Amino acid sequence: MLKMKKALKELEDSGSPINVAVVGIGKMGRSLVDRLLQMNGMRPSLIINRHIEKARKALEYLGIEKDDIIEIKSADELKKVIDNKKYAIADNYKIATESEIIDAIVEATGNPAHGASVAYDAINNKKHIIMLNVECDSVVGPSLYKLAEENGVIYTGAAGDEPAAIIELIEFAEGLGFEVVAAGKGKNNPKDIHATNKSVADLAKEKSICEKSLTSFVDATNTMIELNAVANATGFTPDVFGCRGITADVKTLPNMMRLKEEGGILEKYKTLEYVHGIAPGVFVIIKGNTKEEIDTLKYVGMGDGPNYIIYRPYHLCSLELPISIYKAVVENESTLAPEAGQICDTVAHAKCDLKAGDYIFGIGSDFTYGSLTTHEDAKNRNLLPIALITDKTRIKVDVKKDELITYDMVELDETEIITKLRLLQDKNE
């Protein structure tokens, strides 16, 4: 990290900080902008939001003077704003993707269809893209990652998000030669697969987040999607359809995450799980494989083994994201990438009875929730990834509450980039 600090100080001193465009100024986007304002070597030069006044108010809230916030309509106007050390706002993401002066783009909307459009355009314009949009990454990340490689730019998930925090632990453990047999994350809220925007409204107000976002956490769709990203990066899969959702603490988890024949609960290793009781932490389980390894791990207080937990009790969300910007622009590396391909899918269930002819909505809605399964299982049963549901998706047949939704039950919006990418990705497998 001292290397990063030094490199960013050099960029600041040379007058050539990394110019960052942030697309989406919700809680996470605003938090990222605030972090960038506190750092050397990076600058939140352009904020994109479909409601431009929200962008203006966010920057004012963060302490930027009104006169230093400039609304722009084209990429040509951006250079002048940056040269004058002011901050640009706009409602068109193409200003970011087409501007020669922007070094990296952070997609922070959480909308999978919008994220795919931004990422696709950014990559084709030779821009590094950091996805604070795991919803999009989970369903078309492999296509976008391949496209980025072809264009010589970085496509990456975001440091501070739980998938990247899990990967950090896996890299640490495997780098030291340990065998990682399981990985996962804590879940903050009690699981309610039928949660609605109305049922979480009071809690959403208390937490100052939007109801849709909180619904996706409570019904566990977001948890499934985050583990989906880890699967696509590592090749790990859930032990059972939808994961087990066990309750444990740091002391009891290593013994639970053993094979059944070893006294644990698992059918297989290389598995993903979410756990009630350890949030907001993330973990990996390593297996001791030599007498000396087990003896040393016991000596340093890791327990009797043979399975041990490496646990990180926090993740700082977008406060950590500058690490990914730095790694992409300066080190030319991804923090988290779907290198293993489409290993898993988060597939859609009906949250209520659905009627033929109605439009339905996806992540965080009152209509659907998601479960994690292997991509092979999803293909074999023609199951629909929940992130492909847009506001133009229509259900073609009556579907009962909790029934899995298949591709042939819906009319997808095939004009969307996300749909085109996924259909082509599946075709080329």
Protein backbone atom coordinates (compact mmCIF):
# COMPACT_ATOMS: atom_id res chain seq x y z
CA MET A 1 0.00 0.00 0.00
CA LEU A 2 2.98 2.32 0.53
CA LYS A 3 3.80 1.69 -3.14
CA MET A 4 0.34 2.97 -4.07
CA LYS A 5 0.67 6.00 -1.82
CA LYS A 6 4.05 6.87 -3.34
CA ALA A 7 2.86 6.43 -6.93
CA LEU A 8 -0.22 8.60 -6.37
CA LYS A 9 1.86 11.30 -4.67
CA GLU A 10 4.12 11.37 -7.72
CA LEU A 11 1.10 11.77 -10.00
CA GLU A 12 -0.20 14.59 -7.82
CA ASP A 13 3.16 16.37 -7.70
CA SER A 14 3.55 16.10 -11.48
CA GLY A 15 0.12 17.66 -12.03
CA SER A 16 -1.23 14.58 -13.78
CA PRO A 17 -3.71 12.89 -11.43
CA ILE A 18 -5.90 10.03 -12.62
CA ASN A 19 -9.10 11.53 -13.99
CA VAL A 20 -12.02 9.36 -12.86
CA ALA A 21 -15.59 9.39 -14.11
CA VAL A 22 -18.18 8.02 -11.68
CA VAL A 23 -21.44 6.80 -13.21
CA GLY A 24 -24.18 6.77 -10.58
CA ILE A 25 -24.22 8.97 -7.49
CA GLY A 26 -26.19 6.89 -5.01
CA LYS A 27 -24.75 6.13 -1.58
CA MET A 28 -21.81 4.11 -2.90
CA GLY A 29 -21.01 6.53 -5.71
CA ARG A 30 -21.14 9.52 -3.38
CA SER A 31 -18.94 7.76 -0.84
CA LEU A 32 -16.39 7.02 -3.56
CA VAL A 33 -16.34 10.64 -4.70
CA ASP A 34 -15.74 11.76 -1.13
CA ARG A 35 -12.81 9.32 -0.82
CA LEU A 36 -11.26 10.55 -4.07
CA LEU A 37 -11.52 14.13 -2.83
CA GLN A 38 -9.37 13.18 0.16
CA MET A 39 -6.62 11.47 -1.85
CA ASN A 40 -3.57 12.46 -3.82
CA GLY A 41 -3.23 11.39 -7.43
CA MET A 42 -6.92 10.81 -8.24
CA ARG A 43 -9.70 13.20 -9.07
CA PRO A 44 -13.48 12.67 -9.46
CA SER A 45 -13.46 14.84 -12.56
CA LEU A 46 -16.83 13.84 -13.98
CA ILE A 47 -20.02 12.66 -12.29
CA ILE A 48 -22.71 11.09 -14.45
CA ASN A 49 -26.24 10.66 -13.19
CA ARG A 50 -29.53 10.43 -15.08
CA HIS A 51 -31.02 12.99 -12.66
CA ILE A 52 -28.38 15.66 -12.97
CA GLU A 53 -29.61 17.72 -10.02
CA LYS A 54 -28.88 14.74 -7.79
CA ALA A 55 -25.27 14.91 -8.96
CA ARG A 56 -25.11 18.62 -8.23
CA LYS A 57 -26.59 18.19 -4.75
CA ALA A 58 -24.24 15.31 -3.98
CA LEU A 59 -21.16 17.39 -4.79
CA GLU A 60 -22.49 20.31 -2.77
CA TYR A 61 -23.13 17.92 0.13
CA LEU A 62 -19.49 16.83 -0.11
CA GLY A 63 -18.33 20.43 0.26
CA ILE A 64 -17.69 21.49 -3.33
CA GLU A 65 -18.64 25.10 -4.02
CA LYS A 66 -21.55 25.70 -6.40
CA ASP A 67 -19.36 27.71 -8.77
CA ASP A 68 -16.96 24.77 -9.06
CA ILE A 69 -19.68 22.42 -10.34
CA ILE A 70 -20.11 22.72 -14.10
CA GLU A 71 -22.84 21.01 -16.09
CA ILE A 72 -21.57 19.83 -19.46
CA LYS A 73 -23.17 18.40 -22.58
CA SER A 74 -20.16 17.05 -24.50
CA ALA A 75 -16.74 15.51 -24.11
CA ASP A 76 -15.19 18.64 -25.65
CA GLU A 77 -16.40 20.74 -22.71
CA LEU A 78 -14.85 18.40 -20.15
CA LYS A 79 -11.21 19.29 -20.80
CA LYS A 80 -11.82 22.96 -20.08
CA VAL A 81 -13.56 22.09 -16.81
CA ILE A 82 -10.67 19.86 -15.71
CA ASP A 83 -8.04 22.38 -16.78
CA ASN A 84 -9.77 24.94 -14.57
CA LYS A 85 -9.71 22.44 -11.66
CA LYS A 86 -13.48 22.29 -11.44
CA TYR A 87 -15.86 19.34 -11.42
CA ALA A 88 -18.12 18.32 -14.29
CA ILE A 89 -21.59 16.79 -14.05
CA ALA A 90 -23.64 15.33 -16.88
CA ASP A 91 -26.54 12.99 -17.57
CA ASN A 92 -24.98 11.14 -20.53
CA TYR A 93 -22.42 8.40 -19.80
CA LYS A 94 -21.04 8.64 -23.35
CA ILE A 95 -19.31 11.87 -22.34
CA ALA A 96 -17.17 9.73 -20.05
CA THR A 97 -16.58 6.90 -22.50
CA GLU A 98 -15.71 9.21 -25.40
CA SER A 99 -13.54 11.72 -23.55
CA GLU A 100 -9.82 11.42 -24.18
CA ILE A 101 -9.04 12.92 -20.78
CA ILE A 102 -10.85 10.34 -18.63
CA ASP A 103 -8.53 7.54 -17.49
CA ALA A 104 -10.97 5.25 -15.70
CA ILE A 105 -14.72 4.86 -15.34
CA VAL A 106 -16.49 3.50 -12.29
CA GLU A 107 -19.95 2.04 -12.97
CA ALA A 108 -21.84 2.47 -9.69
CA THR A 109 -25.51 2.34 -10.64
CA GLY A 110 -26.20 -1.25 -9.59
CA ASN A 111 -28.46 -1.55 -12.63
CA PRO A 112 -27.24 -4.57 -14.63
CA ALA A 113 -28.56 -3.45 -18.02
CA HIS A 114 -27.19 0.07 -17.63
CA GLY A 115 -23.90 -1.29 -16.33
CA ALA A 116 -23.48 -3.52 -19.36
CA SER A 117 -24.06 -0.60 -21.72
CA VAL A 118 -21.56 1.61 -19.91
CA ALA A 119 -18.93 -1.12 -19.67
CA TYR A 120 -19.33 -2.18 -23.30
CA ASP A 121 -18.99 1.40 -24.53
CA ALA A 122 -16.08 2.15 -22.19
CA ILE A 123 -14.11 -0.90 -23.30
CA ASN A 124 -14.68 -0.19 -26.98
CA ASN A 125 -13.38 3.33 -26.35
CA LYS A 126 -10.24 1.92 -24.67
CA LYS A 127 -11.21 2.93 -21.13
CA HIS A 128 -10.49 1.01 -17.96
CA ILE A 129 -13.79 0.06 -16.32
CA ILE A 130 -14.28 -0.64 -12.61
CA MET A 131 -17.57 -2.37 -11.90
CA LEU A 132 -19.20 -1.34 -8.65
CA ASN A 133 -22.04 -3.23 -10.29
CA VAL A 134 -21.71 -6.89 -9.40
CA GLU A 135 -25.25 -7.39 -10.69
CA CYS A 136 -24.00 -6.86 -14.23
CA ASP A 137 -20.70 -8.66 -13.69
CA SER A 138 -22.43 -11.83 -12.51
CA VAL A 139 -24.27 -12.36 -15.78
CA VAL A 140 -22.06 -10.95 -18.57
CA GLY A 141 -18.72 -10.40 -16.83
CA PRO A 142 -16.94 -13.11 -18.84
CA SER A 143 -17.90 -11.42 -22.13
CA LEU A 144 -16.85 -7.98 -20.93
CA TYR A 145 -13.60 -9.32 -19.48
CA LYS A 146 -12.72 -10.99 -22.79
CA LEU A 147 -13.60 -7.82 -24.70
CA ALA A 148 -11.38 -5.77 -22.39
CA GLU A 149 -8.45 -8.11 -22.98
CA GLU A 150 -8.94 -7.73 -26.74
CA ASN A 151 -8.93 -3.93 -26.37
CA GLY A 152 -5.93 -3.75 -24.04
CA VAL A 153 -7.79 -2.29 -21.08
CA ILE A 154 -8.75 -3.49 -17.61
CA TYR A 155 -12.16 -4.80 -16.65
CA THR A 156 -12.42 -5.35 -12.91
CA GLY A 157 -14.69 -5.69 -9.94
CA ALA A 158 -14.35 -3.25 -7.09
CA ALA A 159 -12.14 -3.48 -4.03
CA GLY A 160 -14.23 -3.10 -0.88
CA ASP A 161 -17.12 -5.08 -2.29
CA GLU A 162 -17.42 -8.52 -0.67
CA PRO A 163 -16.44 -10.55 -3.77
CA ALA A 164 -13.14 -8.70 -4.06
CA ALA A 165 -12.53 -9.02 -0.31
CA ILE A 166 -13.02 -12.79 -0.60
CA ILE A 167 -10.62 -12.94 -3.55
CA GLU A 168 -8.05 -11.01 -1.49
CA LEU A 169 -8.14 -13.79 1.12
CA ILE A 170 -7.98 -16.52 -1.51
CA GLU A 171 -4.95 -14.89 -3.14
CA PHE A 172 -3.25 -14.62 0.25
CA ALA A 173 -3.90 -18.26 1.18
CA GLU A 174 -3.16 -19.82 -2.19
CA GLY A 175 -0.10 -17.62 -2.61
CA LEU A 176 1.29 -19.29 0.52
CA GLY A 177 0.50 -22.74 -0.81
CA PHE A 178 -2.52 -23.46 1.37
CA GLU A 179 -5.42 -25.49 -0.02
CA VAL A 180 -8.56 -23.34 0.00
CA VAL A 181 -11.57 -25.63 0.35
CA ALA A 182 -14.38 -23.10 0.87
CA ALA A 183 -15.08 -19.39 0.78
CA GLY A 184 -17.91 -17.03 1.50
CA LYS A 185 -19.41 -14.09 3.33
CA GLY A 186 -21.65 -13.11 6.17
CA LYS A 187 -25.25 -12.01 5.67
CA ASN A 188 -26.43 -8.97 7.60
CA ASN A 189 -30.20 -9.36 7.47
CA PRO A 190 -32.45 -12.30 8.34
CA LYS A 191 -33.38 -13.94 5.04
CA ASP A 192 -36.88 -13.26 3.71
CA ILE A 193 -37.18 -14.42 0.10
CA HIS A 194 -40.59 -12.72 -0.18
CA ALA A 195 -39.43 -9.32 1.06
CA THR A 196 -41.00 -6.37 -0.78
CA ASN A 197 -40.17 -2.72 -1.08
CA LYS A 198 -43.05 -2.02 1.29
CA SER A 199 -42.00 -4.57 3.90
CA VAL A 200 -38.48 -3.08 4.14
CA ALA A 201 -39.56 0.58 3.85
CA ASP A 202 -39.08 1.50 7.51
CA LEU A 203 -35.68 -0.18 7.72
CA ALA A 204 -34.60 1.41 4.45
CA LYS A 205 -35.50 4.83 5.83
CA GLU A 206 -33.57 4.09 9.02
CA LYS A 207 -30.50 3.05 7.01
CA SER A 208 -30.89 5.90 4.48
CA ILE A 209 -30.81 3.56 1.50
CA CYS A 210 -33.35 2.95 -1.24
CA GLU A 211 -36.01 0.31 -0.69
CA LYS A 212 -35.09 -1.60 -3.85
CA SER A 213 -31.49 -1.99 -2.74
CA LEU A 214 -32.43 -3.18 0.73
CA THR A 215 -34.99 -5.62 -0.69
CA SER A 216 -32.25 -7.27 -2.76
CA PHE A 217 -30.19 -7.80 0.39
CA VAL A 218 -33.03 -9.09 2.57
CA ASP A 219 -34.33 -11.57 -0.01
CA ALA A 220 -30.72 -12.80 -0.46
CA THR A 221 -30.57 -12.09 -4.21
CA ASN A 222 -27.65 -9.73 -3.68
CA THR A 223 -25.86 -12.38 -1.60
CA MET A 224 -26.33 -14.91 -4.41
CA ILE A 225 -25.02 -12.45 -6.98
CA GLU A 226 -21.93 -11.60 -4.93
CA LEU A 227 -21.07 -15.28 -4.55
CA ASN A 228 -21.77 -15.66 -8.28
CA ALA A 229 -18.97 -13.19 -8.98
CA VAL A 230 -16.61 -15.21 -6.77
CA ALA A 231 -17.61 -18.38 -8.61
CA ASN A 232 -16.82 -16.84 -11.99
CA ALA A 233 -13.42 -15.71 -10.69
CA THR A 234 -12.41 -18.97 -9.00
CA GLY A 235 -14.42 -21.91 -10.31
CA PHE A 236 -15.94 -22.54 -6.85
CA THR A 237 -19.63 -23.52 -6.74
CA PRO A 238 -22.38 -23.75 -4.10
CA ASP A 239 -22.60 -27.03 -2.23
CA VAL A 240 -26.38 -27.13 -2.80
CA PHE A 241 -28.78 -25.13 -4.95
CA GLY A 242 -29.09 -21.64 -3.42
CA CYS A 243 -26.41 -22.37 -0.77
CA ARG A 244 -27.22 -23.57 2.74
CA GLY A 245 -27.31 -20.21 4.55
CA ILE A 246 -25.90 -21.65 7.76
CA THR A 247 -25.61 -20.03 11.18
CA ALA A 248 -22.14 -20.06 12.73
CA ASP A 249 -19.43 -17.92 14.27
CA VAL A 250 -15.71 -17.71 13.58
CA LYS A 251 -14.95 -20.51 16.05
CA THR A 252 -17.56 -23.00 14.88
CA LEU A 253 -17.41 -22.36 11.13
CA PRO A 254 -14.16 -24.28 10.33
CA ASN A 255 -15.55 -27.53 11.76
CA MET A 256 -18.86 -27.10 9.96
CA MET A 257 -17.13 -26.48 6.65
CA ARG A 258 -15.78 -30.02 6.42
CA LEU A 259 -16.94 -32.90 4.27
CA LYS A 260 -19.73 -34.99 5.77
CA GLU A 261 -17.40 -37.97 6.12
CA GLU A 262 -15.09 -35.70 8.14
CA GLY A 263 -17.89 -34.65 10.50
CA GLY A 264 -18.97 -31.51 8.64
CA ILE A 265 -21.90 -30.53 6.43
CA LEU A 266 -20.37 -30.38 2.95
CA GLU A 267 -20.93 -32.72 0.05
CA LYS A 268 -17.79 -31.43 -1.68
CA TYR A 269 -14.95 -28.95 -1.37
CA LYS A 270 -14.23 -25.86 -3.49
CA THR A 271 -17.59 -24.56 -2.33
CA LEU A 272 -19.24 -21.19 -1.66
CA GLU A 273 -21.47 -20.33 1.28
CA TYR A 274 -23.09 -17.46 3.15
CA VAL A 275 -23.27 -17.42 6.92
CA HIS A 276 -25.54 -15.79 9.47
CA GLY A 277 -23.44 -14.66 12.42
CA ILE A 278 -20.22 -13.33 10.87
CA ALA A 279 -21.43 -10.27 8.94
CA PRO A 280 -20.03 -7.97 7.66
CA GLY A 281 -17.04 -10.26 7.34
CA VAL A 282 -15.75 -12.55 4.62
CA PHE A 283 -13.84 -15.80 4.99
CA VAL A 284 -11.95 -18.66 3.41
CA ILE A 285 -11.45 -22.11 4.86
CA ILE A 286 -8.03 -23.69 4.40
CA LYS A 287 -7.18 -27.34 4.99
CA GLY A 288 -4.01 -28.41 6.76
CA ASN A 289 -2.31 -31.07 4.64
CA THR A 290 0.98 -31.78 6.40
CA LYS A 291 1.82 -32.60 9.98
CA GLU A 292 4.07 -29.56 10.28
CA GLU A 293 1.49 -27.25 8.72
CA ILE A 294 -1.17 -28.38 11.18
CA ASP A 295 1.24 -28.15 14.11
CA THR A 296 2.29 -24.60 13.20
CA LEU A 297 -1.29 -23.40 12.65
CA LYS A 298 -2.20 -24.79 16.06
CA TYR A 299 0.87 -23.12 17.57
CA VAL A 300 -0.15 -19.69 16.26
CA GLY A 301 -3.65 -20.02 17.70
CA MET A 302 -5.62 -21.03 14.61
CA GLY A 303 -7.24 -24.04 16.30
CA ASP A 304 -6.87 -27.80 16.19
CA GLY A 305 -7.78 -28.18 12.52
CA PRO A 306 -7.53 -29.80 10.14
CA ASN A 307 -9.67 -26.99 8.68
CA TYR A 308 -8.98 -23.37 9.60
CA ILE A 309 -10.64 -20.05 8.95
CA ILE A 310 -8.94 -16.98 7.56
CA TYR A 311 -11.37 -14.21 8.32
CA ARG A 312 -11.65 -10.55 7.49
CA PRO A 313 -14.24 -8.96 9.81
CA TYR A 314 -15.02 -5.98 7.60
CA HIS A 315 -15.25 -4.65 4.08
CA LEU A 316 -15.30 -0.91 3.49
CA CYS A 317 -17.40 -0.81 0.32
CA SER A 318 -16.56 2.09 -1.96
CA LEU A 319 -14.03 3.52 0.50
CA GLU A 320 -11.65 0.82 -0.75
CA LEU A 321 -12.44 1.24 -4.42
CA PRO A 322 -9.52 3.62 -5.16
CA ILE A 323 -7.31 0.53 -4.85
CA SER A 324 -8.99 -0.91 -7.94
CA ILE A 325 -8.64 2.38 -9.82
CA TYR A 326 -4.95 2.49 -8.98
CA LYS A 327 -4.36 -1.15 -9.93
CA ALA A 328 -6.19 -0.73 -13.24
CA VAL A 329 -4.56 2.53 -14.36
CA VAL A 330 -1.06 2.25 -12.85
CA GLU A 331 -0.44 -1.48 -12.41
CA ASN A 332 -2.63 -2.64 -15.33
CA GLU A 333 -4.20 -5.31 -13.11
CA SER A 334 -7.69 -6.41 -12.15
CA THR A 335 -8.77 -6.69 -8.53
CA LEU A 336 -11.48 -9.21 -9.35
CA ALA A 337 -12.17 -10.67 -12.77
CA PRO A 338 -14.32 -13.55 -14.11
CA GLU A 339 -11.28 -15.46 -15.33
CA ALA A 340 -12.91 -18.87 -14.85
CA GLY A 341 -15.85 -18.01 -17.12
CA GLN A 342 -19.57 -18.37 -16.43
CA ILE A 343 -19.28 -20.93 -13.63
CA CYS A 344 -22.55 -20.07 -11.87
CA ASP A 345 -25.79 -18.21 -12.48
CA THR A 346 -28.17 -16.43 -10.15
CA VAL A 347 -31.51 -17.63 -11.48
CA ALA A 348 -34.94 -16.10 -11.00
CA HIS A 349 -37.89 -17.33 -8.97
CA ALA A 350 -41.34 -15.73 -8.93
CA LYS A 351 -41.75 -13.84 -5.65
CA CYS A 352 -45.51 -13.80 -6.13
CA ASP A 353 -48.01 -15.27 -8.60
CA LEU A 354 -47.22 -13.77 -12.02
CA LYS A 355 -49.83 -13.32 -14.72
CA ALA A 356 -49.25 -13.85 -18.43
CA GLY A 357 -48.87 -10.57 -20.29
CA ASP A 358 -47.60 -8.57 -17.31
CA TYR A 359 -44.26 -6.80 -17.22
CA ILE A 360 -42.03 -8.03 -14.42
CA PHE A 361 -38.98 -6.61 -12.70
CA GLY A 362 -35.79 -8.18 -11.44
CA ILE A 363 -33.28 -7.57 -8.67
CA GLY A 364 -34.75 -5.85 -5.61
CA SER A 365 -38.31 -5.95 -6.93
CA ASP A 366 -41.58 -7.33 -5.59
CA PHE A 367 -41.74 -9.79 -8.50
CA THR A 368 -38.62 -11.98 -8.37
CA TYR A 369 -35.76 -13.21 -6.21
CA GLY A 370 -32.62 -15.12 -7.09
CA SER A 371 -30.85 -18.36 -6.18
CA LEU A 372 -27.29 -19.40 -7.00
CA THR A 373 -26.71 -22.54 -9.02
CA THR A 374 -24.09 -23.85 -11.40
CA HIS A 375 -24.15 -22.57 -14.95
CA GLU A 376 -24.43 -26.20 -16.11
CA ASP A 377 -27.58 -26.67 -14.04
CA ALA A 378 -29.03 -23.39 -15.32
CA LYS A 379 -28.39 -24.43 -18.91
CA ASN A 380 -29.80 -27.90 -18.44
CA ARG A 381 -33.05 -26.51 -17.00
CA ASN A 382 -33.16 -23.40 -19.22
CA LEU A 383 -33.25 -21.19 -16.09
CA LEU A 384 -33.31 -17.42 -16.50
CA PRO A 385 -30.57 -15.33 -14.84
CA ILE A 386 -32.34 -12.67 -12.79
CA ALA A 387 -30.02 -9.90 -14.01
CA LEU A 388 -31.41 -10.28 -17.55
CA ILE A 389 -34.82 -9.04 -16.40
CA THR A 390 -35.22 -5.39 -17.44
CA ASP A 391 -38.16 -3.01 -17.25
CA LYS A 392 -39.21 -4.31 -20.68
CA THR A 393 -39.36 -7.97 -19.74
CA ARG A 394 -42.83 -9.49 -20.11
CA ILE A 395 -43.99 -12.80 -18.67
CA LYS A 396 -45.66 -14.98 -21.31
CA VAL A 397 -47.37 -17.56 -19.05
CA ASP A 398 -48.83 -17.69 -15.57
CA VAL A 399 -46.11 -18.52 -13.04
CA LYS A 400 -46.77 -19.63 -9.49
CA LYS A 401 -45.13 -18.07 -6.43
CA ASP A 402 -41.61 -19.52 -5.84
CA GLU A 403 -41.56 -21.27 -9.22
CA LEU A 404 -38.32 -21.03 -11.15
CA ILE A 405 -38.57 -18.87 -14.28
CA THR A 406 -37.22 -20.26 -17.54
CA TYR A 407 -36.20 -18.45 -20.71
CA ASP A 408 -39.26 -19.69 -22.57
CA MET A 409 -41.56 -18.10 -19.97
CA VAL A 410 -40.48 -14.55 -20.82
CA GLU A 411 -40.04 -12.07 -23.63
CA LEU A 412 -36.62 -10.49 -23.08
CA ASP A 413 -35.66 -7.08 -24.37
CA GLU A 414 -33.21 -8.17 -27.05
CA THR A 415 -32.32 -4.57 -27.87
CA GLU A 416 -30.39 -4.29 -24.58
CA ILE A 417 -26.61 -4.77 -24.69
CA ILE A 418 -26.78 -7.06 -21.65
CA THR A 419 -29.19 -9.41 -23.43
CA LYS A 420 -27.15 -9.44 -26.63
CA LEU A 421 -23.93 -10.12 -24.72
CA ARG A 422 -25.39 -12.97 -22.71
CA LEU A 423 -27.10 -14.69 -25.61
CA LEU A 424 -23.90 -14.49 -27.64
CA GLN A 425 -21.85 -15.66 -24.66
CA ASP A 426 -24.05 -18.73 -24.26
CA LYS A 427 -24.02 -19.43 -28.00
CA ASN A 428 -20.20 -19.38 -28.11
CA GLU A 429 -19.67 -21.78 -25.21
